[in-house]
């Protein structure tokens, strides 16, 4: 049963409905009632499960969309039961849950036909960050410190592979999807149920983001749908300090200026050049003109060194740095934006 149900003339959620989580999947069942007008009003319908820390005031959707089930309406009564992939919200706060019947009109925008809000809050048991969390950026490196990283699940419930990721965002992260710039990352491995890592201190390569903004440290876990954010901490990202203006050149006294002019005027002894030094000079010039990026070590190169590699944009460089270390060149192909052709070129320019 639900705490509150709203509806309109198009379609309604019936009295029988619910959900049940099983890891990163959720079973959704619902009775739906469609009017004849609903069939002509929209061709696309869906049931969506939402979670929100602040609830659903005025029967409006808020928070994070956890799961979605496509609905193919038929006039009258319809019963649905299906298991779909779920994306539980990150963090440790209790979440209010709601089931929404949504349709898309001619304008392509979603509208809520009915909303059922559940009376009992949901508490997701998943790996989390505990205590103080900090991230310091300096000299192309990120220093991550966390008091503890915990797996509060049952003793026999081993976590998936855990990872820490640092992202530069425009706004504080709230547990759902996001857009930003990857700054740094590292793999932690698996963690047994009821166990924790304490006094964590990691130093990893990092790309320097531009401020101001929000620096977010995310604890991610590998599952059937790939990496999922389990917990996070928003940190401040200060704007980079502006370079101090150069001091004005010291005005020279007339006598000092005259002495410098005289020194320049005096001819210097010229040593007789031999043929051997000339060859060395040519060799040095040729070496200086050689491509600087050839053989750059992808796992340790600075951002500036990677930017010198032909074909790498600033965005790709940041993504590559955030994904280090790489065990093989094939791992570079997993970076978004690195296709087979670019990967083949990078094999000639980069070294592990």
C-alpha atoms as a PDB file:
ATOM      1  CA  UNK A   1       0.000   0.000   0.000  1.00  0.00           C
ATOM      2  CA  UNK A   2       1.047   3.594  -0.400  1.00  0.00           C
ATOM      3  CA  UNK A   3       1.044   6.693   1.707  1.00  0.00           C
ATOM      4  CA  UNK A   4      -0.423   8.819  -1.052  1.00  0.00           C
ATOM      5  CA  UNK A   5      -1.592   8.303  -4.619  1.00  0.00           C
ATOM      6  CA  UNK A   6      -2.305  11.031  -7.132  1.00  0.00           C
ATOM      7  CA  UNK A   7      -3.754  10.562 -10.581  1.00  0.00           C
ATOM      8  CA  UNK A   8      -5.527  12.097 -13.547  1.00  0.00           C
ATOM      9  CA  UNK A   9      -8.044  11.156 -16.226  1.00  0.00           C
ATOM     10  CA  UNK A  10      -5.458   9.449 -18.430  1.00  0.00           C
ATOM     11  CA  UNK A  11      -4.110   6.659 -16.229  1.00  0.00           C
ATOM     12  CA  UNK A  12      -3.758   5.571 -12.610  1.00  0.00           C
ATOM     13  CA  UNK A  13      -1.685   3.242 -10.472  1.00  0.00           C
ATOM     14  CA  UNK A  14      -4.019   0.745  -8.813  1.00  0.00           C
ATOM     15  CA  UNK A  15      -4.099  -0.191  -5.138  1.00  0.00           C
ATOM     16  CA  UNK A  16      -1.734  -3.165  -5.562  1.00  0.00           C
ATOM     17  CA  UNK A  17       1.871  -2.242  -6.324  1.00  0.00           C
ATOM     18  CA  UNK A  18       5.344  -2.534  -4.797  1.00  0.00           C
ATOM     19  CA  UNK A  19       9.038  -3.171  -5.291  1.00  0.00           C
ATOM     20  CA  UNK A  20      11.749  -5.460  -3.912  1.00  0.00           C
ATOM     21  CA  UNK A  21      15.519  -4.952  -4.254  1.00  0.00           C
ATOM     22  CA  UNK A  22      17.976  -7.748  -4.920  1.00  0.00           C
ATOM     23  CA  UNK A  23      21.420  -6.159  -5.102  1.00  0.00           C
ATOM     24  CA  UNK A  24      21.524  -3.929  -8.171  1.00  0.00           C
ATOM     25  CA  UNK A  25      18.209  -5.165  -9.560  1.00  0.00           C
ATOM     26  CA  UNK A  26      14.660  -4.535  -8.405  1.00  0.00           C
ATOM     27  CA  UNK A  27      11.373  -6.372  -8.854  1.00  0.00           C
ATOM     28  CA  UNK A  28       8.500  -3.989  -9.678  1.00  0.00           C
ATOM     29  CA  UNK A  29       4.849  -4.971  -9.721  1.00  0.00           C
ATOM     30  CA  UNK A  30       1.844  -2.719 -10.278  1.00  0.00           C
ATOM     31  CA  UNK A  31      -1.781  -2.679 -11.349  1.00  0.00           C
ATOM     32  CA  UNK A  32      -2.401   0.060 -13.923  1.00  0.00           C
ATOM     33  CA  UNK A  33      -5.650   1.506 -15.257  1.00  0.00           C
ATOM     34  CA  UNK A  34      -5.622   3.281 -18.633  1.00  0.00           C
ATOM     35  CA  UNK A  35      -8.406   5.324 -20.196  1.00  0.00           C
ATOM     36  CA  UNK A  36      -9.134   5.341 -23.937  1.00  0.00           C
ATOM     37  CA  UNK A  37      -7.706   8.869 -24.066  1.00  0.00           C
ATOM     38  CA  UNK A  38      -4.362   7.624 -22.721  1.00  0.00           C
ATOM     39  CA  UNK A  39      -3.745   5.583 -25.866  1.00  0.00           C
ATOM     40  CA  UNK A  40      -3.972   8.637 -28.125  1.00  0.00           C
ATOM     41  CA  UNK A  41      -2.348  11.089 -25.696  1.00  0.00           C
ATOM     42  CA  UNK A  42       1.068   9.402 -25.757  1.00  0.00           C
ATOM     43  CA  UNK A  43       2.794   6.460 -27.396  1.00  0.00           C
ATOM     44  CA  UNK A  44       5.520   6.048 -24.775  1.00  0.00           C
ATOM     45  CA  UNK A  45       4.839   5.152 -21.136  1.00  0.00           C
ATOM     46  CA  UNK A  46       6.992   3.875 -18.271  1.00  0.00           C
ATOM     47  CA  UNK A  47       6.963   3.011 -14.590  1.00  0.00           C
ATOM     48  CA  UNK A  48       9.817   4.731 -12.741  1.00  0.00           C
ATOM     49  CA  UNK A  49      11.058   4.057  -9.209  1.00  0.00           C
ATOM     50  CA  UNK A  50      12.450   7.203  -7.524  1.00  0.00           C
ATOM     51  CA  UNK A  51      14.282   7.860  -4.250  1.00  0.00           C
ATOM     52  CA  UNK A  52      14.588  11.195  -2.458  1.00  0.00           C
ATOM     53  CA  UNK A  53      16.064  12.298   0.852  1.00  0.00           C
ATOM     54  CA  UNK A  54      13.627  15.230   1.042  1.00  0.00           C
ATOM     55  CA  UNK A  55      10.511  13.338  -0.057  1.00  0.00           C
ATOM     56  CA  UNK A  56       8.129  14.294  -2.864  1.00  0.00           C
ATOM     57  CA  UNK A  57       6.436  17.589  -1.961  1.00  0.00           C
ATOM     58  CA  UNK A  58       3.341  18.523  -4.000  1.00  0.00           C
ATOM     59  CA  UNK A  59       3.511  15.083  -5.633  1.00  0.00           C
ATOM     60  CA  UNK A  60       6.473  16.175  -7.781  1.00  0.00           C
ATOM     61  CA  UNK A  61       9.386  13.930  -8.752  1.00  0.00           C
ATOM     62  CA  UNK A  62      12.612  14.658  -6.878  1.00  0.00           C
ATOM     63  CA  UNK A  63      15.896  13.000  -6.034  1.00  0.00           C
ATOM     64  CA  UNK A  64      17.288  10.086  -8.075  1.00  0.00           C
ATOM     65  CA  UNK A  65      15.614   7.815 -10.635  1.00  0.00           C
ATOM     66  CA  UNK A  66      16.505   4.314  -9.430  1.00  0.00           C
ATOM     67  CA  UNK A  67      14.867   2.123 -12.092  1.00  0.00           C
ATOM     68  CA  UNK A  68      12.574   2.257 -15.124  1.00  0.00           C
ATOM     69  CA  UNK A  69      10.213  -0.278 -16.661  1.00  0.00           C
ATOM     70  CA  UNK A  70       8.692   0.297 -20.123  1.00  0.00           C
ATOM     71  CA  UNK A  71       4.897   0.100 -20.241  1.00  0.00           C
ATOM     72  CA  UNK A  72       2.789  -0.709 -23.313  1.00  0.00           C
ATOM     73  CA  UNK A  73      -0.686   0.532 -22.384  1.00  0.00           C
ATOM     74  CA  UNK A  74      -3.996  -1.107 -23.235  1.00  0.00           C
ATOM     75  CA  UNK A  75      -7.364   0.383 -22.426  1.00  0.00           C
ATOM     76  CA  UNK A  76      -8.677  -0.771 -19.068  1.00  0.00           C
ATOM     77  CA  UNK A  77      -6.914  -2.836 -16.423  1.00  0.00           C
ATOM     78  CA  UNK A  78      -3.298  -3.997 -16.816  1.00  0.00           C
ATOM     79  CA  UNK A  79      -0.998  -5.903 -14.425  1.00  0.00           C
ATOM     80  CA  UNK A  80       2.811  -5.724 -14.667  1.00  0.00           C
ATOM     81  CA  UNK A  81       5.562  -7.658 -12.879  1.00  0.00           C
ATOM     82  CA  UNK A  82       9.208  -7.468 -13.975  1.00  0.00           C
ATOM     83  CA  UNK A  83      12.767  -7.361 -12.679  1.00  0.00           C
ATOM     84  CA  UNK A  84      14.887  -4.509 -14.040  1.00  0.00           C
ATOM     85  CA  UNK A  85      18.361  -3.091 -13.418  1.00  0.00           C
ATOM     86  CA  UNK A  86      18.536  -0.663 -10.500  1.00  0.00           C
ATOM     87  CA  UNK A  87      20.835   2.234  -9.702  1.00  0.00           C
ATOM     88  CA  UNK A  88      20.477   2.777  -5.931  1.00  0.00           C
ATOM     89  CA  UNK A  89      21.327   6.312  -4.797  1.00  0.00           C
ATOM     90  CA  UNK A  90      24.815   6.924  -3.439  1.00  0.00           C
ATOM     91  CA  UNK A  91      25.300   7.889   0.187  1.00  0.00           C
ATOM     92  CA  UNK A  92      24.073   6.593   3.523  1.00  0.00           C
ATOM     93  CA  UNK A  93      20.941   8.737   4.091  1.00  0.00           C
ATOM     94  CA  UNK A  94      17.514   7.127   4.424  1.00  0.00           C
ATOM     95  CA  UNK A  95      15.572   7.515   1.186  1.00  0.00           C
ATOM     96  CA  UNK A  96      11.835   8.016   0.663  1.00  0.00           C
ATOM     97  CA  UNK A  97      10.612   5.963  -2.305  1.00  0.00           C
ATOM     98  CA  UNK A  98       7.929   6.576  -4.919  1.00  0.00           C
ATOM     99  CA  UNK A  99       6.589   4.782  -7.984  1.00  0.00           C
ATOM    100  CA  UNK A 100       5.695   7.076 -10.898  1.00  0.00           C
ATOM    101  CA  UNK A 101       3.645   6.356 -14.013  1.00  0.00           C
ATOM    102  CA  UNK A 102       5.182   8.606 -16.670  1.00  0.00           C
ATOM    103  CA  UNK A 103       4.341   9.387 -20.298  1.00  0.00           C
ATOM    104  CA  UNK A 104       5.976  11.436 -23.051  1.00  0.00           C
ATOM    105  CA  UNK A 105       3.762  13.759 -25.088  1.00  0.00           C
ATOM    106  CA  UNK A 106       4.215  15.308 -28.531  1.00  0.00           C
ATOM    107  CA  UNK A 107       6.698  17.844 -27.126  1.00  0.00           C
ATOM    108  CA  UNK A 108       9.000  14.994 -26.107  1.00  0.00           C
ATOM    109  CA  UNK A 109       8.958  15.992 -22.427  1.00  0.00           C
ATOM    110  CA  UNK A 110       7.955  13.549 -19.659  1.00  0.00           C
ATOM    111  CA  UNK A 111       4.839  14.112 -17.584  1.00  0.00           C
ATOM    112  CA  UNK A 112       3.658  12.300 -14.457  1.00  0.00           C
ATOM    113  CA  UNK A 113       0.250  10.657 -14.817  1.00  0.00           C
ATOM    114  CA  UNK A 114       0.274   9.185 -11.309  1.00  0.00           C
ATOM    115  CA  UNK A 115       2.595   8.975  -8.311  1.00  0.00           C
ATOM    116  CA  UNK A 116       2.529   6.493  -5.419  1.00  0.00           C
ATOM    117  CA  UNK A 117       4.669   7.447  -2.390  1.00  0.00           C
ATOM    118  CA  UNK A 118       5.673   4.668   0.030  1.00  0.00           C
ATOM    119  CA  UNK A 119       5.339   5.272   3.798  1.00  0.00           C
ATOM    120  CA  UNK A 120       8.548   3.499   4.868  1.00  0.00           C
ATOM    121  CA  UNK A 121      11.952   4.949   4.023  1.00  0.00           C
ATOM    122  CA  UNK A 122      14.541   2.710   2.343  1.00  0.00           C
ATOM    123  CA  UNK A 123      18.036   2.219   3.783  1.00  0.00           C
ATOM    124  CA  UNK A 124      20.608   0.901   1.282  1.00  0.00           C
ATOM    125  CA  UNK A 125      23.411  -1.210   2.758  1.00  0.00           C
ATOM    126  CA  UNK A 126      26.456  -0.589   0.601  1.00  0.00           C
ATOM    127  CA  UNK A 127      30.185   0.278   0.883  1.00  0.00           C
ATOM    128  CA  UNK A 128      30.737   3.730   2.354  1.00  0.00           C
ATOM    129  CA  UNK A 129      33.254   6.392   3.369  1.00  0.00           C
ATOM    130  CA  UNK A 130      33.562   7.094   7.099  1.00  0.00           C
ATOM    131  CA  UNK A 131      35.130   9.887   9.103  1.00  0.00           C
ATOM    132  CA  UNK A 132      37.197  12.693   7.624  1.00  0.00           C
ATOM    133  CA  UNK A 133      37.800  12.796   3.873  1.00  0.00           C
ATOM    134  CA  UNK A 134      40.329  15.110   2.178  1.00  0.00           C
ATOM    135  CA  UNK A 135      41.889  15.554  -1.246  1.00  0.00           C
ATOM    136  CA  UNK A 136      44.957  17.723  -1.877  1.00  0.00           C
ATOM    137  CA  UNK A 137      46.232  18.517  -5.383  1.00  0.00           C
ATOM    138  CA  UNK A 138      49.835  19.554  -6.037  1.00  0.00           C
ATOM    139  CA  UNK A 139      52.494  19.002  -8.715  1.00  0.00           C
ATOM    140  CA  UNK A 140      50.304  16.726 -10.824  1.00  0.00           C
ATOM    141  CA  UNK A 141      49.463  14.421  -7.913  1.00  0.00           C
ATOM    142  CA  UNK A 142      46.409  13.934  -5.696  1.00  0.00           C
ATOM    143  CA  UNK A 143      46.739  12.943  -2.035  1.00  0.00           C
ATOM    144  CA  UNK A 144      43.554  11.203  -0.842  1.00  0.00           C
ATOM    145  CA  UNK A 145      42.978  10.591   2.849  1.00  0.00           C
ATOM    146  CA  UNK A 146      39.971   8.767   4.322  1.00  0.00           C
ATOM    147  CA  UNK A 147      39.572   7.716   7.953  1.00  0.00           C
ATOM    148  CA  UNK A 148      37.853   4.485   6.893  1.00  0.00           C
ATOM    149  CA  UNK A 149      36.259   2.709   3.941  1.00  0.00           C
ATOM    150  CA  UNK A 150      33.671   0.180   5.135  1.00  0.00           C
ATOM    151  CA  UNK A 151      31.604  -2.700   3.778  1.00  0.00           C
ATOM    152  CA  UNK A 152      28.672  -2.924   6.237  1.00  0.00           C
ATOM    153  CA  UNK A 153      27.083  -5.917   4.504  1.00  0.00           C
ATOM    154  CA  UNK A 154      26.875  -9.421   5.991  1.00  0.00           C
ATOM    155  CA  UNK A 155      30.113 -11.337   6.547  1.00  0.00           C
ATOM    156  CA  UNK A 156      29.537 -13.576   3.509  1.00  0.00           C
ATOM    157  CA  UNK A 157      28.734 -10.614   1.229  1.00  0.00           C
ATOM    158  CA  UNK A 158      32.007  -9.742  -0.492  1.00  0.00           C
ATOM    159  CA  UNK A 159      32.019  -6.398  -2.291  1.00  0.00           C
ATOM    160  CA  UNK A 160      32.731  -5.989  -5.976  1.00  0.00           C
ATOM    161  CA  UNK A 161      35.994  -4.312  -6.948  1.00  0.00           C
ATOM    162  CA  UNK A 162      36.064  -0.924  -5.214  1.00  0.00           C
ATOM    163  CA  UNK A 163      37.621   2.221  -6.667  1.00  0.00           C
ATOM    164  CA  UNK A 164      38.087   5.830  -5.628  1.00  0.00           C
ATOM    165  CA  UNK A 165      37.415   8.490  -8.265  1.00  0.00           C
ATOM    166  CA  UNK A 166      37.887  12.251  -7.990  1.00  0.00           C
ATOM    167  CA  UNK A 167      35.742  14.460 -10.229  1.00  0.00           C
ATOM    168  CA  UNK A 168      35.602  18.233 -10.758  1.00  0.00           C
ATOM    169  CA  UNK A 169      31.928  19.276 -10.936  1.00  0.00           C
ATOM    170  CA  UNK A 170      30.140  22.600 -11.349  1.00  0.00           C
ATOM    171  CA  UNK A 171      27.697  21.815  -8.517  1.00  0.00           C
ATOM    172  CA  UNK A 172      27.741  19.592  -5.414  1.00  0.00           C
ATOM    173  CA  UNK A 173      27.016  15.950  -6.238  1.00  0.00           C
ATOM    174  CA  UNK A 174      23.681  14.630  -4.935  1.00  0.00           C
ATOM    175  CA  UNK A 175      23.849  10.910  -5.634  1.00  0.00           C
ATOM    176  CA  UNK A 176      22.514  10.520  -9.182  1.00  0.00           C
ATOM    177  CA  UNK A 177      24.058  10.905 -12.638  1.00  0.00           C
ATOM    178  CA  UNK A 178      26.611  13.663 -13.188  1.00  0.00           C
ATOM    179  CA  UNK A 179      28.746  15.509 -15.739  1.00  0.00           C
ATOM    180  CA  UNK A 180      32.232  16.709 -14.939  1.00  0.00           C
ATOM    181  CA  UNK A 181      35.953  16.339 -15.504  1.00  0.00           C
ATOM    182  CA  UNK A 182      37.811  13.268 -14.189  1.00  0.00           C
ATOM    183  CA  UNK A 183      40.738  14.289 -11.969  1.00  0.00           C
ATOM    184  CA  UNK A 184      42.164  11.107 -10.437  1.00  0.00           C
ATOM    185  CA  UNK A 185      41.316   7.473  -9.718  1.00  0.00           C
ATOM    186  CA  UNK A 186      42.683   4.316  -8.147  1.00  0.00           C
ATOM    187  CA  UNK A 187      41.568   0.696  -7.657  1.00  0.00           C
ATOM    188  CA  UNK A 188      41.146  -0.529  -4.060  1.00  0.00           C
ATOM    189  CA  UNK A 189      40.147  -4.140  -4.703  1.00  0.00           C
ATOM    190  CA  UNK A 190      37.430  -6.151  -2.929  1.00  0.00           C
ATOM    191  CA  UNK A 191      36.406  -5.832   0.709  1.00  0.00           C
ATOM    192  CA  UNK A 192      34.801  -8.543   2.831  1.00  0.00           C
ATOM    193  CA  UNK A 193      31.461  -8.024   4.549  1.00  0.00           C
ATOM    194  CA  UNK A 194      31.829  -6.377   7.948  1.00  0.00           C
ATOM    195  CA  UNK A 195      35.410  -5.323   7.156  1.00  0.00           C
ATOM    196  CA  UNK A 196      37.028  -1.921   6.632  1.00  0.00           C
ATOM    197  CA  UNK A 197      40.174  -0.169   5.466  1.00  0.00           C
ATOM    198  CA  UNK A 198      41.407   2.356   8.038  1.00  0.00           C
ATOM    199  CA  UNK A 199      43.738   5.379   7.967  1.00  0.00           C
ATOM    200  CA  UNK A 200      43.739   5.385   4.152  1.00  0.00           C
ATOM    201  CA  UNK A 201      46.346   7.609   2.522  1.00  0.00           C
ATOM    202  CA  UNK A 202      46.827   7.360  -1.250  1.00  0.00           C
ATOM    203  CA  UNK A 203      48.954   9.433  -3.627  1.00  0.00           C
ATOM    204  CA  UNK A 204      47.988   9.083  -7.303  1.00  0.00           C
ATOM    205  CA  UNK A 205      48.582  11.008 -10.559  1.00  0.00           C
ATOM    206  CA  UNK A 206      46.025  13.745 -11.137  1.00  0.00           C
ATOM    207  CA  UNK A 207      44.926  16.278 -13.719  1.00  0.00           C
ATOM    208  CA  UNK A 208      44.701  19.824 -12.369  1.00  0.00           C
ATOM    209  CA  UNK A 209      41.076  21.065 -12.685  1.00  0.00           C
ATOM    210  CA  UNK A 210      40.172  24.708 -13.033  1.00  0.00           C
ATOM    211  CA  UNK A 211      38.251  26.344 -10.173  1.00  0.00           C
ATOM    212  CA  UNK A 212      36.108  27.533  -8.624  1.00  0.00           C
ATOM    213  CA  UNK A 213      33.846  24.511  -8.365  1.00  0.00           C
ATOM    214  CA  UNK A 214      33.301  21.320  -6.409  1.00  0.00           C
ATOM    215  CA  UNK A 215      35.787  18.503  -6.036  1.00  0.00           C
ATOM    216  CA  UNK A 216      33.910  15.245  -5.394  1.00  0.00           C
ATOM    217  CA  UNK A 217      35.487  12.023  -4.146  1.00  0.00           C
ATOM    218  CA  UNK A 218      33.355   9.013  -5.100  1.00  0.00           C
ATOM    219  CA  UNK A 219      33.534   5.458  -3.797  1.00  0.00           C
ATOM    220  CA  UNK A 220      32.574   3.213  -6.718  1.00  0.00           C
ATOM    221  CA  UNK A 221      31.830  -0.517  -6.870  1.00  0.00           C
ATOM    222  CA  UNK A 222      31.956  -2.851  -9.862  1.00  0.00           C
ATOM    223  CA  UNK A 223      28.722  -4.734 -10.534  1.00  0.00           C
ATOM    224  CA  UNK A 224      26.672  -6.237 -13.379  1.00  0.00           C
ATOM    225  CA  UNK A 225      26.103  -2.779 -14.893  1.00  0.00           C
ATOM    226  CA  UNK A 226      29.728  -1.636 -14.497  1.00  0.00           C
ATOM    227  CA  UNK A 227      30.947   0.770 -11.841  1.00  0.00           C
ATOM    228  CA  UNK A 228      28.221   2.233  -9.594  1.00  0.00           C
ATOM    229  CA  UNK A 229      28.700   5.114  -7.155  1.00  0.00           C
ATOM    230  CA  UNK A 230      28.101   3.894  -3.592  1.00  0.00           C
ATOM    231  CA  UNK A 231      29.185   6.886  -1.502  1.00  0.00           C
ATOM    232  CA  UNK A 232      30.681  10.326  -2.039  1.00  0.00           C
ATOM    233  CA  UNK A 233      32.062  13.435  -0.363  1.00  0.00           C
ATOM    234  CA  UNK A 234      31.913  16.963  -1.820  1.00  0.00           C
ATOM    235  CA  UNK A 235      35.008  19.075  -1.209  1.00  0.00           C
ATOM    236  CA  UNK A 236      35.803  22.690  -2.111  1.00  0.00           C
ATOM    237  CA  UNK A 237      37.853  23.442  -5.222  1.00  0.00           C
ATOM    238  CA  UNK A 238      39.587  26.788  -5.065  1.00  0.00           C
ATOM    239  CA  UNK A 239      40.385  28.829  -8.161  1.00  0.00           C
ATOM    240  CA  UNK A 240      44.078  28.535  -9.133  1.00  0.00           C
ATOM    241  CA  UNK A 241      46.258  31.302  -7.742  1.00  0.00           C
ATOM    242  CA  UNK A 242      47.048  34.027 -10.245  1.00  0.00           C
ATOM    243  CA  UNK A 243      50.672  34.518 -11.172  1.00  0.00           C
ATOM    244  CA  UNK A 244      52.300  37.438  -9.403  1.00  0.00           C
ATOM    245  CA  UNK A 245      53.252  40.335 -11.683  1.00  0.00           C
ATOM    246  CA  UNK A 246      56.922  40.414 -12.540  1.00  0.00           C
ATOM    247  CA  UNK A 247      58.976  43.052 -10.769  1.00  0.00           C
ATOM    248  CA  UNK A 248      59.870  46.049 -12.918  1.00  0.00           C
ATOM    249  CA  UNK A 249      63.395  46.052 -14.278  1.00  0.00           C
ATOM    250  CA  UNK A 250      65.806  48.119 -12.237  1.00  0.00           C
ATOM    251  CA  UNK A 251      66.637  51.399 -13.899  1.00  0.00           C
ATOM    252  CA  UNK A 252      70.353  51.544 -14.620  1.00  0.00           C
ATOM    253  CA  UNK A 253      72.503  54.450 -13.699  1.00  0.00           C
ATOM    254  CA  UNK A 254      74.272  56.223 -16.647  1.00  0.00           C
ATOM    255  CA  UNK A 255      77.708  54.950 -15.525  1.00  0.00           C
ATOM    256  CA  UNK A 256      76.481  51.310 -15.272  1.00  0.00           C
ATOM    257  CA  UNK A 257      74.826  51.563 -18.694  1.00  0.00           C
ATOM    258  CA  UNK A 258      78.005  52.988 -20.244  1.00  0.00           C
ATOM    259  CA  UNK A 259      80.084  50.176 -18.712  1.00  0.00           C
ATOM    260  CA  UNK A 260      77.757  47.538 -20.236  1.00  0.00           C
ATOM    261  CA  UNK A 261      77.918  49.169 -23.662  1.00  0.00           C
ATOM    262  CA  UNK A 262      81.718  49.231 -23.477  1.00  0.00           C
ATOM    263  CA  UNK A 263      81.804  45.568 -22.460  1.00  0.00           C
ATOM    264  CA  UNK A 264      79.652  44.625 -25.456  1.00  0.00           C
ATOM    265  CA  UNK A 265      81.854  46.648 -27.774  1.00  0.00           C
ATOM    266  CA  UNK A 266      85.045  44.851 -26.784  1.00  0.00           C
ATOM    267  CA  UNK A 267      85.696  41.922 -29.139  1.00  0.00           C
ATOM    268  CA  UNK A 268      85.997  38.492 -27.520  1.00  0.00           C
ATOM    269  CA  UNK A 269      88.757  36.066 -28.514  1.00  0.00           C
ATOM    270  CA  UNK A 270      87.500  33.632 -31.133  1.00  0.00           C
ATOM    271  CA  UNK A 271      88.715  30.061 -30.827  1.00  0.00           C
ATOM    272  CA  UNK A 272      89.530  28.242 -34.046  1.00  0.00           C
ATOM    273  CA  UNK A 273      86.732  25.817 -34.820  1.00  0.00           C
ATOM    274  CA  UNK A 274      87.573  22.219 -35.598  1.00  0.00           C
ATOM    275  CA  UNK A 275      85.493  19.938 -37.831  1.00  0.00           C
ATOM    276  CA  UNK A 276      84.622  17.560 -34.999  1.00  0.00           C
ATOM    277  CA  UNK A 277      82.771  20.147 -32.878  1.00  0.00           C
ATOM    278  CA  UNK A 278      80.815  21.207 -35.959  1.00  0.00           C
ATOM    279  CA  UNK A 279      79.492  17.677 -36.394  1.00  0.00           C
ATOM    280  CA  UNK A 280      78.515  17.560 -32.730  1.00  0.00           C
ATOM    281  CA  UNK A 281      76.641  20.827 -33.112  1.00  0.00           C
ATOM    282  CA  UNK A 282      74.659  19.471 -36.058  1.00  0.00           C
ATOM    283  CA  UNK A 283      73.820  16.317 -34.132  1.00  0.00           C
ATOM    284  CA  UNK A 284      72.665  18.338 -31.133  1.00  0.00           C
ATOM    285  CA  UNK A 285      70.449  20.508 -33.354  1.00  0.00           C
ATOM    286  CA  UNK A 286      68.928  17.432 -34.961  1.00  0.00           C
ATOM    287  CA  UNK A 287      68.220  15.909 -31.542  1.00  0.00           C
ATOM    288  CA  UNK A 288      66.584  19.116 -30.374  1.00  0.00           C
ATOM    289  CA  UNK A 289      64.180  18.990 -33.324  1.00  0.00           C
ATOM    290  CA  UNK A 290      63.158  15.382 -32.641  1.00  0.00           C
ATOM    291  CA  UNK A 291      59.540  14.919 -31.445  1.00  0.00           C
ATOM    292  CA  UNK A 292      59.433  15.540 -27.707  1.00  0.00           C
ATOM    293  CA  UNK A 293      56.415  13.253 -27.186  1.00  0.00           C
ATOM    294  CA  UNK A 294      58.027  10.104 -28.691  1.00  0.00           C
ATOM    295  CA  UNK A 295      58.160   7.363 -26.082  1.00  0.00           C
ATOM    296  CA  UNK A 296      56.256   9.320 -23.380  1.00  0.00           C
ATOM    297  CA  UNK A 297      55.410   7.009 -20.453  1.00  0.00           C
ATOM    298  CA  UNK A 298      51.623   7.007 -20.241  1.00  0.00           C
ATOM    299  CA  UNK A 299      51.550   5.926 -16.577  1.00  0.00           C
ATOM    300  CA  UNK A 300      53.867   8.664 -15.298  1.00  0.00           C
ATOM    301  CA  UNK A 301      53.886  11.496 -17.870  1.00  0.00           C
ATOM    302  CA  UNK A 302      52.720  14.936 -16.832  1.00  0.00           C
ATOM    303  CA  UNK A 303      49.663  16.580 -18.354  1.00  0.00           C
ATOM    304  CA  UNK A 304      51.888  18.868 -20.439  1.00  0.00           C
ATOM    305  CA  UNK A 305      53.865  15.901 -21.841  1.00  0.00           C
ATOM    306  CA  UNK A 306      50.693  14.078 -22.870  1.00  0.00           C
ATOM    307  CA  UNK A 307      49.289  17.224 -24.490  1.00  0.00           C
ATOM    308  CA  UNK A 308      52.373  17.229 -26.726  1.00  0.00           C
ATOM    309  CA  UNK A 309      51.292  13.878 -28.201  1.00  0.00           C
ATOM    310  CA  UNK A 310      49.616  14.343 -31.578  1.00  0.00           C
ATOM    311  CA  UNK A 311      45.928  13.434 -31.490  1.00  0.00           C
ATOM    312  CA  UNK A 312      45.381  13.952 -27.740  1.00  0.00           C
ATOM    313  CA  UNK A 313      43.052  16.787 -26.752  1.00  0.00           C
ATOM    314  CA  UNK A 314      42.967  18.342 -23.295  1.00  0.00           C
ATOM    315  CA  UNK A 315      39.804  16.374 -22.481  1.00  0.00           C
ATOM    316  CA  UNK A 316      41.362  13.069 -23.538  1.00  0.00           C
ATOM    317  CA  UNK A 317      44.528  13.804 -21.552  1.00  0.00           C
ATOM    318  CA  UNK A 318      42.514  14.391 -18.375  1.00  0.00           C
ATOM    319  CA  UNK A 319      40.570  11.169 -18.953  1.00  0.00           C
ATOM    320  CA  UNK A 320      43.777   9.199 -19.566  1.00  0.00           C
ATOM    321  CA  UNK A 321      45.399  10.559 -16.401  1.00  0.00           C
ATOM    322  CA  UNK A 322      42.277   9.760 -14.363  1.00  0.00           C
ATOM    323  CA  UNK A 323      42.348   6.154 -15.594  1.00  0.00           C
ATOM    324  CA  UNK A 324      45.977   5.413 -14.660  1.00  0.00           C
ATOM    325  CA  UNK A 325      47.725   3.078 -14.124  1.00  0.00           C
ATOM    326  CA  UNK A 326      47.358   0.959 -17.296  1.00  0.00           C
ATOM    327  CA  UNK A 327      48.604  -2.632 -17.383  1.00  0.00           C
ATOM    328  CA  UNK A 328      48.690  -2.738 -21.198  1.00  0.00           C
ATOM    329  CA  UNK A 329      48.047  -0.530 -24.216  1.00  0.00           C
ATOM    330  CA  UNK A 330      44.750  -2.325 -24.773  1.00  0.00           C
ATOM    331  CA  UNK A 331      43.536  -0.781 -21.485  1.00  0.00           C
ATOM    332  CA  UNK A 332      43.841   2.658 -23.114  1.00  0.00           C
ATOM    333  CA  UNK A 333      41.083   1.604 -25.486  1.00  0.00           C
ATOM    334  CA  UNK A 334      38.679   1.662 -22.527  1.00  0.00           C
ATOM    335  CA  UNK A 335      39.129   5.438 -22.158  1.00  0.00           C
ATOM    336  CA  UNK A 336      36.163   7.284 -23.630  1.00  0.00           C
ATOM    337  CA  UNK A 337      37.246   8.895 -26.903  1.00  0.00           C
ATOM    338  CA  UNK A 338      40.147   6.535 -27.635  1.00  0.00           C
ATOM    339  CA  UNK A 339      39.078   4.486 -30.671  1.00  0.00           C
ATOM    340  CA  UNK A 340      40.990   1.728 -32.511  1.00  0.00           C
ATOM    341  CA  UNK A 341      42.650   4.171 -34.944  1.00  0.00           C
ATOM    342  CA  UNK A 342      43.832   6.542 -32.226  1.00  0.00           C
ATOM    343  CA  UNK A 343      44.975   3.599 -30.097  1.00  0.00           C
ATOM    344  CA  UNK A 344      47.133   2.348 -32.981  1.00  0.00           C
ATOM    345  CA  UNK A 345      48.771   5.787 -33.283  1.00  0.00           C
ATOM    346  CA  UNK A 346      49.354   6.007 -29.536  1.00  0.00           C
ATOM    347  CA  UNK A 347      51.280   2.708 -29.611  1.00  0.00           C
ATOM    348  CA  UNK A 348      53.898   4.536 -31.699  1.00  0.00           C
ATOM    349  CA  UNK A 349      54.011   7.623 -29.489  1.00  0.00           C
ATOM    350  CA  UNK A 350      53.603   6.271 -25.938  1.00  0.00           C
ATOM    351  CA  UNK A 351      55.354   3.778 -23.695  1.00  0.00           C
ATOM    352  CA  UNK A 352      54.090   2.016 -20.569  1.00  0.00           C
END
